[in-house]
Amino acid sequence: MTPAASVVERRSMFRRRRFQAPRQRPSLLWTFVRPIGLALLLVGTPAAIAVWTLTSPCFALRDIGIESGERVASEWVAQSLEPLRGRHVLLLSLEEVERLLAGHRWVEGVQVHKILPNALHVQVLERIPVAVMRHEKGLSYVDRQGRLIDRLEETDVPAALLLIEGRAEESAAVAAAVAAVEELAAGGSPLFQVILGVEILTGLDLELDVAALPFAVLVRSDRLQPAVAQFERLLPKILDRYGGIEAVDLRFSRQIIMKFPEA
């Protein structure tokens, strides 16, 4: 071994180690407190935000935007919803708004949109009249479900609305009459495209005032298309052979009955 190598080897034997501080073990108290603190932080922060949201005055309702049609005045809607002002926007429900507007005959439904932090947009859906009902109390608008909407005023002009006669309290029969007229109009028959009026006889039996025919037509609302198809095939022969017909009865499956004025 050379003298230089021996010197290097002896120096490496006495090299001082780097100082390392002894690791301290966490205290037992910190071991239990740390997870509890983290849990309180995770749970407490959302809870504090929720409490602030539910109690902050900045969410008190101030502005109410209203969208309505011709029958329901926006002024009436605004006055009806006035008790909601100052209420918390997030706590308002659709049922509350509907309850306040339920007193108007033309209100079909309501759509409510909350605009944070303190506004509400209310869209009023109006009932759509499809016919006019003549009954013992006068004339009333009728919707597709056969429900009476409101009485006709003297200034109302119900243009292009079907006239229905019968008992107004039988909404199912009125709805069936409306559905029958719509079915005939959609069936493509040129004879029944324009029906001026319908009289509800009994149950499903209807008497139609057809613009294209000089006589009334009696039908059943549950078998319209077969009866109409048969009637259209025989109509030229009927008009050629008979005159002065008062009504044609199509309520039977295998026969057509004609009614003539009494002598």
C-alpha atoms as a PDB file:
ATOM      1  CA  MET A   1       0.000   0.000   0.000  1.00  0.00           C
ATOM      2  CA  THR A   2       1.358   3.401  -0.891  1.00  0.00           C
ATOM      3  CA  PRO A   3       1.732   6.072   1.768  1.00  0.00           C
ATOM      4  CA  ALA A   4      -0.885   8.306   0.064  1.00  0.00           C
ATOM      5  CA  ALA A   5      -3.537   5.558   0.053  1.00  0.00           C
ATOM      6  CA  SER A   6      -2.975   4.809   3.715  1.00  0.00           C
ATOM      7  CA  VAL A   7      -3.460   8.444   4.643  1.00  0.00           C
ATOM      8  CA  VAL A   8      -6.805   8.616   2.774  1.00  0.00           C
ATOM      9  CA  GLU A   9      -8.023   5.404   4.366  1.00  0.00           C
ATOM     10  CA  ARG A  10      -7.181   6.588   7.890  1.00  0.00           C
ATOM     11  CA  ARG A  11      -9.018   9.868   7.335  1.00  0.00           C
ATOM     12  CA  SER A  12     -12.176   8.071   6.166  1.00  0.00           C
ATOM     13  CA  MET A  13     -12.256   5.992   9.334  1.00  0.00           C
ATOM     14  CA  PHE A  14     -12.492   9.114  11.507  1.00  0.00           C
ATOM     15  CA  ARG A  15     -14.996  11.076   9.320  1.00  0.00           C
ATOM     16  CA  ARG A  16     -17.620  12.791  11.471  1.00  0.00           C
ATOM     17  CA  ARG A  17     -21.259  11.919  10.862  1.00  0.00           C
ATOM     18  CA  ARG A  18     -23.774  14.635  10.011  1.00  0.00           C
ATOM     19  CA  PHE A  19     -25.807  15.758  13.010  1.00  0.00           C
ATOM     20  CA  GLN A  20     -29.495  14.673  12.951  1.00  0.00           C
ATOM     21  CA  ALA A  21     -31.967  16.043  15.429  1.00  0.00           C
ATOM     22  CA  PRO A  22     -33.990  13.377  17.188  1.00  0.00           C
ATOM     23  CA  ARG A  23     -37.592  13.019  15.882  1.00  0.00           C
ATOM     24  CA  GLN A  24     -40.253  14.080  18.325  1.00  0.00           C
ATOM     25  CA  ARG A  25     -43.337  11.943  18.582  1.00  0.00           C
ATOM     26  CA  PRO A  26     -46.672  13.886  18.486  1.00  0.00           C
ATOM     27  CA  SER A  27     -48.373  14.244  21.794  1.00  0.00           C
ATOM     28  CA  LEU A  28     -51.367  12.101  22.613  1.00  0.00           C
ATOM     29  CA  LEU A  29     -53.611  15.187  22.959  1.00  0.00           C
ATOM     30  CA  TRP A  30     -52.753  16.427  19.465  1.00  0.00           C
ATOM     31  CA  THR A  31     -53.513  12.982  18.064  1.00  0.00           C
ATOM     32  CA  PHE A  32     -57.130  13.264  19.258  1.00  0.00           C
ATOM     33  CA  VAL A  33     -57.635  17.018  18.780  1.00  0.00           C
ATOM     34  CA  ARG A  34     -56.442  17.205  15.155  1.00  0.00           C
ATOM     35  CA  PRO A  35     -59.138  14.980  13.541  1.00  0.00           C
ATOM     36  CA  ILE A  36     -61.830  16.591  15.671  1.00  0.00           C
ATOM     37  CA  GLY A  37     -60.728  20.024  14.523  1.00  0.00           C
ATOM     38  CA  LEU A  38     -60.725  18.966  10.894  1.00  0.00           C
ATOM     39  CA  ALA A  39     -64.222  17.489  11.268  1.00  0.00           C
ATOM     40  CA  LEU A  40     -65.518  20.691  12.863  1.00  0.00           C
ATOM     41  CA  LEU A  41     -63.977  22.704  10.053  1.00  0.00           C
ATOM     42  CA  LEU A  42     -65.548  20.539   7.371  1.00  0.00           C
ATOM     43  CA  VAL A  43     -68.982  20.464   9.012  1.00  0.00           C
ATOM     44  CA  GLY A  44     -69.051  23.880  10.589  1.00  0.00           C
ATOM     45  CA  THR A  45     -68.190  25.887   7.500  1.00  0.00           C
ATOM     46  CA  PRO A  46     -71.170  24.659   5.394  1.00  0.00           C
ATOM     47  CA  ALA A  47     -73.432  24.973   8.433  1.00  0.00           C
ATOM     48  CA  ALA A  48     -72.355  28.560   8.966  1.00  0.00           C
ATOM     49  CA  ILE A  49     -72.949  29.323   5.283  1.00  0.00           C
ATOM     50  CA  ALA A  50     -76.398  27.722   5.476  1.00  0.00           C
ATOM     51  CA  VAL A  51     -77.344  29.741   8.573  1.00  0.00           C
ATOM     52  CA  TRP A  52     -76.184  32.943   6.931  1.00  0.00           C
ATOM     53  CA  THR A  53     -78.112  32.128   3.744  1.00  0.00           C
ATOM     54  CA  LEU A  54     -81.354  31.460   5.612  1.00  0.00           C
ATOM     55  CA  THR A  55     -81.109  34.535   7.855  1.00  0.00           C
ATOM     56  CA  SER A  56     -79.502  37.150   5.639  1.00  0.00           C
ATOM     57  CA  PRO A  57     -81.821  40.060   4.747  1.00  0.00           C
ATOM     58  CA  CYS A  58     -80.342  40.270   1.252  1.00  0.00           C
ATOM     59  CA  PHE A  59     -82.540  37.283   0.245  1.00  0.00           C
ATOM     60  CA  ALA A  60     -85.784  39.052   1.235  1.00  0.00           C
ATOM     61  CA  LEU A  61     -88.129  39.267  -1.763  1.00  0.00           C
ATOM     62  CA  ARG A  62     -88.251  42.753  -3.265  1.00  0.00           C
ATOM     63  CA  ASP A  63     -88.947  42.486  -6.990  1.00  0.00           C
ATOM     64  CA  ILE A  64     -91.701  40.400  -8.642  1.00  0.00           C
ATOM     65  CA  GLY A  65     -91.700  40.157 -12.420  1.00  0.00           C
ATOM     66  CA  ILE A  66     -95.044  39.140 -13.931  1.00  0.00           C
ATOM     67  CA  GLU A  67     -95.886  37.650 -17.303  1.00  0.00           C
ATOM     68  CA  SER A  68     -99.575  37.062 -18.029  1.00  0.00           C
ATOM     69  CA  GLY A  69    -102.056  37.025 -20.908  1.00  0.00           C
ATOM     70  CA  GLU A  70    -105.106  39.046 -21.872  1.00  0.00           C
ATOM     71  CA  ARG A  71    -107.532  37.467 -19.406  1.00  0.00           C
ATOM     72  CA  VAL A  72    -105.451  37.783 -16.235  1.00  0.00           C
ATOM     73  CA  ALA A  73    -104.336  41.343 -15.589  1.00  0.00           C
ATOM     74  CA  SER A  74    -100.765  41.755 -14.360  1.00  0.00           C
ATOM     75  CA  GLU A  75    -102.005  44.343 -11.848  1.00  0.00           C
ATOM     76  CA  TRP A  76    -104.278  41.708 -10.283  1.00  0.00           C
ATOM     77  CA  VAL A  77    -101.395  39.244 -10.103  1.00  0.00           C
ATOM     78  CA  ALA A  78     -99.123  41.828  -8.467  1.00  0.00           C
ATOM     79  CA  GLN A  79    -101.749  42.688  -5.856  1.00  0.00           C
ATOM     80  CA  SER A  80    -102.415  39.013  -5.125  1.00  0.00           C
ATOM     81  CA  LEU A  81     -98.702  38.301  -4.615  1.00  0.00           C
ATOM     82  CA  GLU A  82     -98.100  41.309  -2.389  1.00  0.00           C
ATOM     83  CA  PRO A  83     -98.141  39.170   0.828  1.00  0.00           C
ATOM     84  CA  LEU A  84     -94.954  37.471  -0.403  1.00  0.00           C
ATOM     85  CA  ARG A  85     -92.856  40.632  -0.297  1.00  0.00           C
ATOM     86  CA  GLY A  86     -90.193  40.453   2.372  1.00  0.00           C
ATOM     87  CA  ARG A  87     -90.307  36.671   2.499  1.00  0.00           C
ATOM     88  CA  HIS A  88     -87.127  34.658   1.976  1.00  0.00           C
ATOM     89  CA  VAL A  89     -86.795  33.889  -1.734  1.00  0.00           C
ATOM     90  CA  LEU A  90     -85.279  30.445  -1.226  1.00  0.00           C
ATOM     91  CA  LEU A  91     -88.077  29.397   1.126  1.00  0.00           C
ATOM     92  CA  LEU A  92     -90.924  30.342  -1.211  1.00  0.00           C
ATOM     93  CA  SER A  93     -92.748  27.402  -2.805  1.00  0.00           C
ATOM     94  CA  LEU A  94     -94.755  27.017  -5.996  1.00  0.00           C
ATOM     95  CA  GLU A  95     -97.752  25.914  -3.921  1.00  0.00           C
ATOM     96  CA  GLU A  96     -97.830  29.265  -2.109  1.00  0.00           C
ATOM     97  CA  VAL A  97     -97.883  31.206  -5.366  1.00  0.00           C
ATOM     98  CA  GLU A  98    -100.572  28.944  -6.851  1.00  0.00           C
ATOM     99  CA  ARG A  99    -102.712  29.319  -3.739  1.00  0.00           C
ATOM    100  CA  LEU A 100    -102.612  33.119  -3.951  1.00  0.00           C
ATOM    101  CA  LEU A 101    -103.611  33.074  -7.630  1.00  0.00           C
ATOM    102  CA  ALA A 102    -106.199  30.302  -7.438  1.00  0.00           C
ATOM    103  CA  GLY A 103    -109.063  32.769  -7.075  1.00  0.00           C
ATOM    104  CA  HIS A 104    -108.982  33.802 -10.730  1.00  0.00           C
ATOM    105  CA  ARG A 105    -111.154  31.721 -13.065  1.00  0.00           C
ATOM    106  CA  TRP A 106    -108.774  32.056 -16.018  1.00  0.00           C
ATOM    107  CA  VAL A 107    -105.631  30.871 -14.208  1.00  0.00           C
ATOM    108  CA  GLU A 108    -104.694  27.375 -15.394  1.00  0.00           C
ATOM    109  CA  GLY A 109    -101.253  27.153 -13.815  1.00  0.00           C
ATOM    110  CA  VAL A 110     -98.192  29.078 -12.706  1.00  0.00           C
ATOM    111  CA  GLN A 111     -94.490  28.857 -13.468  1.00  0.00           C
ATOM    112  CA  VAL A 112     -92.148  30.418 -10.910  1.00  0.00           C
ATOM    113  CA  HIS A 113     -88.464  31.253 -11.429  1.00  0.00           C
ATOM    114  CA  LYS A 114     -86.351  32.496  -8.517  1.00  0.00           C
ATOM    115  CA  ILE A 115     -83.753  35.101  -9.412  1.00  0.00           C
ATOM    116  CA  LEU A 116     -81.197  35.431  -6.625  1.00  0.00           C
ATOM    117  CA  PRO A 117     -80.751  37.208  -4.432  1.00  0.00           C
ATOM    118  CA  ASN A 118     -84.161  38.869  -4.038  1.00  0.00           C
ATOM    119  CA  ALA A 119     -86.356  38.605  -7.152  1.00  0.00           C
ATOM    120  CA  LEU A 120     -89.113  36.377  -8.466  1.00  0.00           C
ATOM    121  CA  HIS A 121     -90.464  35.884 -11.983  1.00  0.00           C
ATOM    122  CA  VAL A 122     -94.024  34.580 -12.229  1.00  0.00           C
ATOM    123  CA  GLN A 123     -95.539  33.396 -15.502  1.00  0.00           C
ATOM    124  CA  VAL A 124     -99.297  32.881 -15.423  1.00  0.00           C
ATOM    125  CA  LEU A 125    -100.679  30.190 -17.733  1.00  0.00           C
ATOM    126  CA  GLU A 126    -104.234  31.008 -18.803  1.00  0.00           C
ATOM    127  CA  ARG A 127    -106.994  28.557 -19.537  1.00  0.00           C
ATOM    128  CA  ILE A 128    -107.771  28.314 -23.258  1.00  0.00           C
ATOM    129  CA  PRO A 129    -111.436  28.389 -24.305  1.00  0.00           C
ATOM    130  CA  VAL A 130    -112.314  25.964 -27.097  1.00  0.00           C
ATOM    131  CA  ALA A 131    -116.096  26.339 -27.040  1.00  0.00           C
ATOM    132  CA  VAL A 132    -119.016  28.287 -25.657  1.00  0.00           C
ATOM    133  CA  MET A 133    -121.548  26.413 -23.526  1.00  0.00           C
ATOM    134  CA  ARG A 134    -125.215  27.393 -23.501  1.00  0.00           C
ATOM    135  CA  HIS A 135    -126.882  26.178 -20.328  1.00  0.00           C
ATOM    136  CA  GLU A 136    -129.662  27.142 -17.956  1.00  0.00           C
ATOM    137  CA  LYS A 137    -127.590  29.986 -16.467  1.00  0.00           C
ATOM    138  CA  GLY A 138    -126.541  31.538 -19.759  1.00  0.00           C
ATOM    139  CA  LEU A 139    -123.390  31.297 -21.864  1.00  0.00           C
ATOM    140  CA  SER A 140    -119.962  30.303 -20.532  1.00  0.00           C
ATOM    141  CA  TYR A 141    -116.550  29.644 -21.981  1.00  0.00           C
ATOM    142  CA  VAL A 142    -115.438  25.992 -21.875  1.00  0.00           C
ATOM    143  CA  ASP A 143    -111.931  24.494 -21.933  1.00  0.00           C
ATOM    144  CA  ARG A 144    -110.836  21.196 -23.495  1.00  0.00           C
ATOM    145  CA  GLN A 145    -111.522  19.305 -20.259  1.00  0.00           C
ATOM    146  CA  GLY A 146    -115.175  20.340 -20.388  1.00  0.00           C
ATOM    147  CA  ARG A 147    -114.884  22.716 -17.437  1.00  0.00           C
ATOM    148  CA  LEU A 148    -116.695  26.041 -17.397  1.00  0.00           C
ATOM    149  CA  ILE A 149    -114.257  28.933 -17.271  1.00  0.00           C
ATOM    150  CA  ASP A 150    -116.265  32.120 -16.979  1.00  0.00           C
ATOM    151  CA  ARG A 151    -119.512  33.716 -18.070  1.00  0.00           C
ATOM    152  CA  LEU A 152    -119.583  35.610 -21.321  1.00  0.00           C
ATOM    153  CA  GLU A 153    -119.831  39.354 -20.946  1.00  0.00           C
ATOM    154  CA  GLU A 154    -122.092  41.434 -23.154  1.00  0.00           C
ATOM    155  CA  THR A 155    -119.053  42.847 -24.937  1.00  0.00           C
ATOM    156  CA  ASP A 156    -117.475  39.440 -25.642  1.00  0.00           C
ATOM    157  CA  VAL A 157    -117.479  38.208 -29.231  1.00  0.00           C
ATOM    158  CA  PRO A 158    -116.510  34.503 -29.154  1.00  0.00           C
ATOM    159  CA  ALA A 159    -115.491  34.282 -32.800  1.00  0.00           C
ATOM    160  CA  ALA A 160    -114.822  30.814 -34.280  1.00  0.00           C
ATOM    161  CA  LEU A 161    -115.714  29.035 -31.054  1.00  0.00           C
ATOM    162  CA  LEU A 162    -117.919  25.953 -31.100  1.00  0.00           C
ATOM    163  CA  LEU A 163    -121.359  26.321 -29.523  1.00  0.00           C
ATOM    164  CA  ILE A 164    -122.331  23.473 -27.184  1.00  0.00           C
ATOM    165  CA  GLU A 165    -125.737  23.004 -25.617  1.00  0.00           C
ATOM    166  CA  GLY A 166    -126.615  20.695 -22.758  1.00  0.00           C
ATOM    167  CA  ARG A 167    -126.074  20.300 -19.031  1.00  0.00           C
ATOM    168  CA  ALA A 168    -123.073  22.304 -17.921  1.00  0.00           C
ATOM    169  CA  GLU A 169    -122.405  20.238 -14.795  1.00  0.00           C
ATOM    170  CA  GLU A 170    -121.577  17.131 -16.862  1.00  0.00           C
ATOM    171  CA  SER A 171    -118.007  18.119 -17.673  1.00  0.00           C
ATOM    172  CA  ALA A 172    -117.132  14.630 -18.957  1.00  0.00           C
ATOM    173  CA  ALA A 173    -119.892  14.824 -21.559  1.00  0.00           C
ATOM    174  CA  VAL A 174    -118.817  18.331 -22.566  1.00  0.00           C
ATOM    175  CA  ALA A 175    -115.209  17.164 -22.937  1.00  0.00           C
ATOM    176  CA  ALA A 176    -116.394  14.215 -25.055  1.00  0.00           C
ATOM    177  CA  ALA A 177    -118.311  16.596 -27.328  1.00  0.00           C
ATOM    178  CA  VAL A 178    -115.239  18.808 -27.798  1.00  0.00           C
ATOM    179  CA  ALA A 179    -113.069  15.759 -28.523  1.00  0.00           C
ATOM    180  CA  ALA A 180    -115.614  14.465 -31.064  1.00  0.00           C
ATOM    181  CA  VAL A 181    -115.598  17.715 -33.016  1.00  0.00           C
ATOM    182  CA  GLU A 182    -111.793  17.795 -33.022  1.00  0.00           C
ATOM    183  CA  GLU A 183    -111.674  14.190 -34.214  1.00  0.00           C
ATOM    184  CA  LEU A 184    -114.037  14.940 -37.102  1.00  0.00           C
ATOM    185  CA  ALA A 185    -112.040  18.000 -38.105  1.00  0.00           C
ATOM    186  CA  ALA A 186    -108.813  15.975 -38.094  1.00  0.00           C
ATOM    187  CA  GLY A 187    -110.364  13.092 -40.029  1.00  0.00           C
ATOM    188  CA  GLY A 188    -110.114  14.842 -43.379  1.00  0.00           C
ATOM    189  CA  SER A 189    -113.800  14.679 -44.250  1.00  0.00           C
ATOM    190  CA  PRO A 190    -114.773  17.847 -46.201  1.00  0.00           C
ATOM    191  CA  LEU A 191    -118.339  17.605 -44.891  1.00  0.00           C
ATOM    192  CA  PHE A 192    -117.385  17.864 -41.219  1.00  0.00           C
ATOM    193  CA  GLN A 193    -114.598  20.424 -41.371  1.00  0.00           C
ATOM    194  CA  VAL A 194    -116.891  23.169 -40.078  1.00  0.00           C
ATOM    195  CA  ILE A 195    -119.280  22.292 -37.252  1.00  0.00           C
ATOM    196  CA  LEU A 196    -121.277  25.230 -35.970  1.00  0.00           C
ATOM    197  CA  GLY A 197    -122.770  23.658 -32.881  1.00  0.00           C
ATOM    198  CA  VAL A 198    -123.220  20.509 -30.813  1.00  0.00           C
ATOM    199  CA  GLU A 199    -126.116  19.503 -28.607  1.00  0.00           C
ATOM    200  CA  ILE A 200    -125.408  16.883 -25.960  1.00  0.00           C
ATOM    201  CA  LEU A 201    -128.397  14.540 -25.948  1.00  0.00           C
ATOM    202  CA  THR A 202    -127.684  11.731 -23.498  1.00  0.00           C
ATOM    203  CA  GLY A 203    -124.356  10.171 -22.589  1.00  0.00           C
ATOM    204  CA  LEU A 204    -122.310   9.785 -25.786  1.00  0.00           C
ATOM    205  CA  ASP A 205    -125.096  10.858 -28.147  1.00  0.00           C
ATOM    206  CA  LEU A 206    -124.542  14.162 -29.948  1.00  0.00           C
ATOM    207  CA  GLU A 207    -126.484  16.240 -32.426  1.00  0.00           C
ATOM    208  CA  LEU A 208    -124.257  18.162 -34.817  1.00  0.00           C
ATOM    209  CA  ASP A 209    -125.061  21.355 -36.685  1.00  0.00           C
ATOM    210  CA  VAL A 210    -122.868  20.913 -39.762  1.00  0.00           C
ATOM    211  CA  ALA A 211    -122.267  23.948 -41.992  1.00  0.00           C
ATOM    212  CA  ALA A 212    -122.067  21.864 -45.197  1.00  0.00           C
ATOM    213  CA  LEU A 213    -125.367  20.004 -44.641  1.00  0.00           C
ATOM    214  CA  PRO A 214    -128.946  21.293 -44.623  1.00  0.00           C
ATOM    215  CA  PHE A 215    -129.964  18.954 -41.789  1.00  0.00           C
ATOM    216  CA  ALA A 216    -128.731  17.916 -38.349  1.00  0.00           C
ATOM    217  CA  VAL A 217    -126.574  14.816 -37.892  1.00  0.00           C
ATOM    218  CA  LEU A 218    -126.872  12.534 -34.869  1.00  0.00           C
ATOM    219  CA  VAL A 219    -123.726  10.579 -33.901  1.00  0.00           C
ATOM    220  CA  ARG A 220    -122.127   8.693 -31.030  1.00  0.00           C
ATOM    221  CA  SER A 221    -118.822  10.090 -29.849  1.00  0.00           C
ATOM    222  CA  ASP A 222    -117.330   6.591 -29.455  1.00  0.00           C
ATOM    223  CA  ARG A 223    -117.840   5.506 -33.116  1.00  0.00           C
ATOM    224  CA  LEU A 224    -117.451   8.560 -35.290  1.00  0.00           C
ATOM    225  CA  GLN A 225    -115.192   7.534 -38.152  1.00  0.00           C
ATOM    226  CA  PRO A 226    -117.034   4.351 -39.279  1.00  0.00           C
ATOM    227  CA  ALA A 227    -120.384   6.139 -39.202  1.00  0.00           C
ATOM    228  CA  VAL A 228    -119.054   9.164 -41.084  1.00  0.00           C
ATOM    229  CA  ALA A 229    -117.379   7.002 -43.753  1.00  0.00           C
ATOM    230  CA  GLN A 230    -120.600   5.072 -44.350  1.00  0.00           C
ATOM    231  CA  PHE A 231    -122.630   8.273 -44.463  1.00  0.00           C
ATOM    232  CA  GLU A 232    -120.330   9.893 -47.049  1.00  0.00           C
ATOM    233  CA  ARG A 233    -120.684   6.888 -49.360  1.00  0.00           C
ATOM    234  CA  LEU A 234    -124.491   6.999 -49.194  1.00  0.00           C
ATOM    235  CA  LEU A 235    -124.968  10.773 -49.131  1.00  0.00           C
ATOM    236  CA  PRO A 236    -125.368  11.259 -52.936  1.00  0.00           C
ATOM    237  CA  LYS A 237    -128.128   8.632 -53.050  1.00  0.00           C
ATOM    238  CA  ILE A 238    -129.792  10.125 -49.969  1.00  0.00           C
ATOM    239  CA  LEU A 239    -129.872  13.616 -51.446  1.00  0.00           C
ATOM    240  CA  ASP A 240    -131.022  12.319 -54.810  1.00  0.00           C
ATOM    241  CA  ARG A 241    -133.860  10.253 -53.378  1.00  0.00           C
ATOM    242  CA  TYR A 242    -135.063  12.300 -50.419  1.00  0.00           C
ATOM    243  CA  GLY A 243    -135.793  15.946 -49.874  1.00  0.00           C
ATOM    244  CA  GLY A 244    -136.750  17.991 -46.859  1.00  0.00           C
ATOM    245  CA  ILE A 245    -134.710  15.908 -44.412  1.00  0.00           C
ATOM    246  CA  GLU A 246    -134.719  17.295 -40.878  1.00  0.00           C
ATOM    247  CA  ALA A 247    -132.060  15.029 -39.353  1.00  0.00           C
ATOM    248  CA  VAL A 248    -129.947  11.979 -40.181  1.00  0.00           C
ATOM    249  CA  ASP A 249    -129.210   9.497 -37.409  1.00  0.00           C
ATOM    250  CA  LEU A 250    -125.826   7.756 -37.684  1.00  0.00           C
ATOM    251  CA  ARG A 251    -125.764   6.232 -34.199  1.00  0.00           C
ATOM    252  CA  PHE A 252    -126.482   2.704 -35.367  1.00  0.00           C
ATOM    253  CA  SER A 253    -123.873   0.434 -36.922  1.00  0.00           C
ATOM    254  CA  ARG A 254    -125.978  -1.152 -39.694  1.00  0.00           C
ATOM    255  CA  GLN A 255    -128.530   1.464 -40.609  1.00  0.00           C
ATOM    256  CA  ILE A 256    -129.053   5.161 -41.241  1.00  0.00           C
ATOM    257  CA  ILE A 257    -132.271   6.651 -39.962  1.00  0.00           C
ATOM    258  CA  MET A 258    -133.705   9.792 -41.533  1.00  0.00           C
ATOM    259  CA  LYS A 259    -136.126  12.081 -39.794  1.00  0.00           C
ATOM    260  CA  PHE A 260    -138.598  14.272 -41.730  1.00  0.00           C
ATOM    261  CA  PRO A 261    -140.683  17.194 -40.505  1.00  0.00           C
ATOM    262  CA  GLU A 262    -144.082  16.222 -39.175  1.00  0.00           C
ATOM    263  CA  ALA A 263    -146.916  17.027 -41.550  1.00  0.00           C
END
